[in-house]
Amino acid sequence: FDIETLEFKGMIIENSKVKYNWVHFVYLSEVPYFDPKETDEGYLEWIYKDDIGSLPTPEIDKAVYKYVVNNQKFIFNDEYDDELNLVYAKEELSGKVIINRK
């Protein structure tokens, strides 16, 4: 299928002192239903939006979901410690610190 519309929602910048540094771009689009294909990332499946809160989810992803659902653009700047525990997260557009365990 072809994606006709793609809406930029935000980005996540993840930094640590070890070799874990990523930039993620988050987009939203509507696509027709299709059976997920097998991938090297594991089993993929469709879920209902209302069920997202009941899934095991990384802490920063929960914050991202709130921004997407509320149609708010975001830039998260996240810091991880040497053991890859999230210690700091700031949403840069608003200046709001989401997590501070420094």
C-alpha atoms as a PDB file:
ATOM      1  CA  PHE A   1       0.000   0.000   0.000  1.00  0.00           C
ATOM      2  CA  ASP A   2       1.034   3.601  -0.425  1.00  0.00           C
ATOM      3  CA  ILE A   3       1.055   6.073   2.418  1.00  0.00           C
ATOM      4  CA  GLU A   4      -0.811   9.145   1.258  1.00  0.00           C
ATOM      5  CA  THR A   5      -0.428  11.375   4.306  1.00  0.00           C
ATOM      6  CA  LEU A   6       2.352  11.508   6.830  1.00  0.00           C
ATOM      7  CA  GLU A   7       2.198  13.960   9.734  1.00  0.00           C
ATOM      8  CA  PHE A   8       5.342  14.835  11.672  1.00  0.00           C
ATOM      9  CA  LYS A   9       4.616  14.696  15.417  1.00  0.00           C
ATOM     10  CA  GLY A  10       8.024  15.092  17.026  1.00  0.00           C
ATOM     11  CA  MET A  11      11.432  13.717  17.769  1.00  0.00           C
ATOM     12  CA  ILE A  12      13.267  11.963  20.585  1.00  0.00           C
ATOM     13  CA  ILE A  13      16.979  12.441  21.211  1.00  0.00           C
ATOM     14  CA  GLU A  14      18.511   9.807  23.497  1.00  0.00           C
ATOM     15  CA  ASN A  15      22.015  10.246  24.903  1.00  0.00           C
ATOM     16  CA  SER A  16      24.253   8.326  27.258  1.00  0.00           C
ATOM     17  CA  LYS A  17      27.935   8.184  28.155  1.00  0.00           C
ATOM     18  CA  VAL A  18      28.104   4.684  26.707  1.00  0.00           C
ATOM     19  CA  LYS A  19      27.455   3.718  23.104  1.00  0.00           C
ATOM     20  CA  TYR A  20      23.744   4.456  23.183  1.00  0.00           C
ATOM     21  CA  ASN A  21      22.868   7.567  21.223  1.00  0.00           C
ATOM     22  CA  TRP A  22      19.768   7.687  19.057  1.00  0.00           C
ATOM     23  CA  VAL A  23      17.521  10.143  17.271  1.00  0.00           C
ATOM     24  CA  HIS A  24      13.940   9.053  16.572  1.00  0.00           C
ATOM     25  CA  PHE A  25      11.448  10.846  14.340  1.00  0.00           C
ATOM     26  CA  VAL A  26       7.768  10.200  15.094  1.00  0.00           C
ATOM     27  CA  TYR A  27       5.128  10.398  12.370  1.00  0.00           C
ATOM     28  CA  LEU A  28       1.419   9.621  12.304  1.00  0.00           C
ATOM     29  CA  SER A  29      -0.443   8.138   9.366  1.00  0.00           C
ATOM     30  CA  GLU A  30      -3.572   6.131   8.697  1.00  0.00           C
ATOM     31  CA  VAL A  31      -3.157   2.885   6.803  1.00  0.00           C
ATOM     32  CA  PRO A  32      -5.594   0.168   5.827  1.00  0.00           C
ATOM     33  CA  TYR A  33      -5.639  -3.003   7.902  1.00  0.00           C
ATOM     34  CA  PHE A  34      -3.149  -5.666   6.841  1.00  0.00           C
ATOM     35  CA  ASP A  35      -1.727  -8.788   8.435  1.00  0.00           C
ATOM     36  CA  PRO A  36       1.629  -7.916  10.037  1.00  0.00           C
ATOM     37  CA  LYS A  37       4.584  -9.733   8.519  1.00  0.00           C
ATOM     38  CA  GLU A  38       7.159 -11.658  10.494  1.00  0.00           C
ATOM     39  CA  THR A  39      10.198  -9.525  11.313  1.00  0.00           C
ATOM     40  CA  ASP A  40      13.538  -9.859  13.070  1.00  0.00           C
ATOM     41  CA  GLU A  41      12.131  -7.531  15.777  1.00  0.00           C
ATOM     42  CA  GLY A  42       9.713 -10.179  16.973  1.00  0.00           C
ATOM     43  CA  TYR A  43       5.982 -10.689  16.613  1.00  0.00           C
ATOM     44  CA  LEU A  44       4.045  -7.605  15.548  1.00  0.00           C
ATOM     45  CA  GLU A  45       0.331  -7.181  16.011  1.00  0.00           C
ATOM     46  CA  TRP A  46      -2.350  -4.524  15.821  1.00  0.00           C
ATOM     47  CA  ILE A  47      -3.669  -3.214  19.114  1.00  0.00           C
ATOM     48  CA  TYR A  48      -6.500  -0.874  19.963  1.00  0.00           C
ATOM     49  CA  LYS A  49      -5.475   2.630  20.968  1.00  0.00           C
ATOM     50  CA  ASP A  50      -7.359   2.238  24.261  1.00  0.00           C
ATOM     51  CA  ASP A  51      -5.204  -0.794  25.146  1.00  0.00           C
ATOM     52  CA  ILE A  52      -1.845   1.003  24.899  1.00  0.00           C
ATOM     53  CA  GLY A  53      -1.819   1.820  28.621  1.00  0.00           C
ATOM     54  CA  SER A  54      -2.020  -1.854  29.587  1.00  0.00           C
ATOM     55  CA  LEU A  55       1.105  -2.902  27.651  1.00  0.00           C
ATOM     56  CA  PRO A  56       4.612  -3.038  29.123  1.00  0.00           C
ATOM     57  CA  THR A  57       6.004   0.218  27.764  1.00  0.00           C
ATOM     58  CA  PRO A  58       9.235   2.168  28.262  1.00  0.00           C
ATOM     59  CA  GLU A  59       8.665   5.198  30.459  1.00  0.00           C
ATOM     60  CA  ILE A  60       9.524   7.774  27.787  1.00  0.00           C
ATOM     61  CA  ASP A  61       7.177   6.113  25.275  1.00  0.00           C
ATOM     62  CA  LYS A  62       4.241   6.733  27.625  1.00  0.00           C
ATOM     63  CA  ALA A  63       5.055  10.452  27.550  1.00  0.00           C
ATOM     64  CA  VAL A  64       5.322  10.385  23.754  1.00  0.00           C
ATOM     65  CA  TYR A  65       1.913   8.694  23.449  1.00  0.00           C
ATOM     66  CA  LYS A  66       0.313  11.474  25.528  1.00  0.00           C
ATOM     67  CA  TYR A  67       1.725  14.131  23.224  1.00  0.00           C
ATOM     68  CA  VAL A  68       0.604  12.281  20.095  1.00  0.00           C
ATOM     69  CA  VAL A  69      -2.932  11.664  21.440  1.00  0.00           C
ATOM     70  CA  ASN A  70      -3.217  15.340  22.452  1.00  0.00           C
ATOM     71  CA  ASN A  71      -1.934  16.448  19.030  1.00  0.00           C
ATOM     72  CA  GLN A  72       1.042  18.286  20.553  1.00  0.00           C
ATOM     73  CA  LYS A  73       4.375  18.541  18.762  1.00  0.00           C
ATOM     74  CA  PHE A  74       7.379  17.547  20.887  1.00  0.00           C
ATOM     75  CA  ILE A  75      11.140  17.286  21.075  1.00  0.00           C
ATOM     76  CA  PHE A  76      12.238  15.034  23.932  1.00  0.00           C
ATOM     77  CA  ASN A  77      15.852  15.289  25.054  1.00  0.00           C
ATOM     78  CA  ASP A  78      16.610  12.200  27.149  1.00  0.00           C
ATOM     79  CA  GLU A  79      19.673  11.210  29.134  1.00  0.00           C
ATOM     80  CA  TYR A  80      20.563   7.685  30.247  1.00  0.00           C
ATOM     81  CA  ASP A  81      23.145   6.558  32.791  1.00  0.00           C
ATOM     82  CA  ASP A  82      25.943   4.044  32.168  1.00  0.00           C
ATOM     83  CA  GLU A  83      23.491   1.170  32.749  1.00  0.00           C
ATOM     84  CA  LEU A  84      20.979   2.678  30.295  1.00  0.00           C
ATOM     85  CA  ASN A  85      18.469   3.754  32.931  1.00  0.00           C
ATOM     86  CA  LEU A  86      16.528   6.867  31.983  1.00  0.00           C
ATOM     87  CA  VAL A  87      17.650   9.628  34.377  1.00  0.00           C
ATOM     88  CA  TYR A  88      16.433  12.809  32.688  1.00  0.00           C
ATOM     89  CA  ALA A  89      13.841  13.761  30.099  1.00  0.00           C
ATOM     90  CA  LYS A  90      12.928  17.266  29.006  1.00  0.00           C
ATOM     91  CA  GLU A  91      10.392  18.319  26.413  1.00  0.00           C
ATOM     92  CA  GLU A  92      12.311  21.122  24.709  1.00  0.00           C
ATOM     93  CA  LEU A  93       9.455  23.038  23.025  1.00  0.00           C
ATOM     94  CA  SER A  94       7.715  23.736  26.341  1.00  0.00           C
ATOM     95  CA  GLY A  95      10.787  23.486  28.557  1.00  0.00           C
ATOM     96  CA  LYS A  96       8.951  20.986  30.773  1.00  0.00           C
ATOM     97  CA  VAL A  97      11.134  18.476  32.620  1.00  0.00           C
ATOM     98  CA  ILE A  98       9.308  15.147  32.527  1.00  0.00           C
ATOM     99  CA  ILE A  99      11.830  13.043  34.479  1.00  0.00           C
ATOM    100  CA  ASN A 100      14.681  14.181  36.722  1.00  0.00           C
ATOM    101  CA  ARG A 101      16.641  11.524  38.607  1.00  0.00           C
ATOM    102  CA  LYS A 102      20.027  13.211  38.380  1.00  0.00           C
END
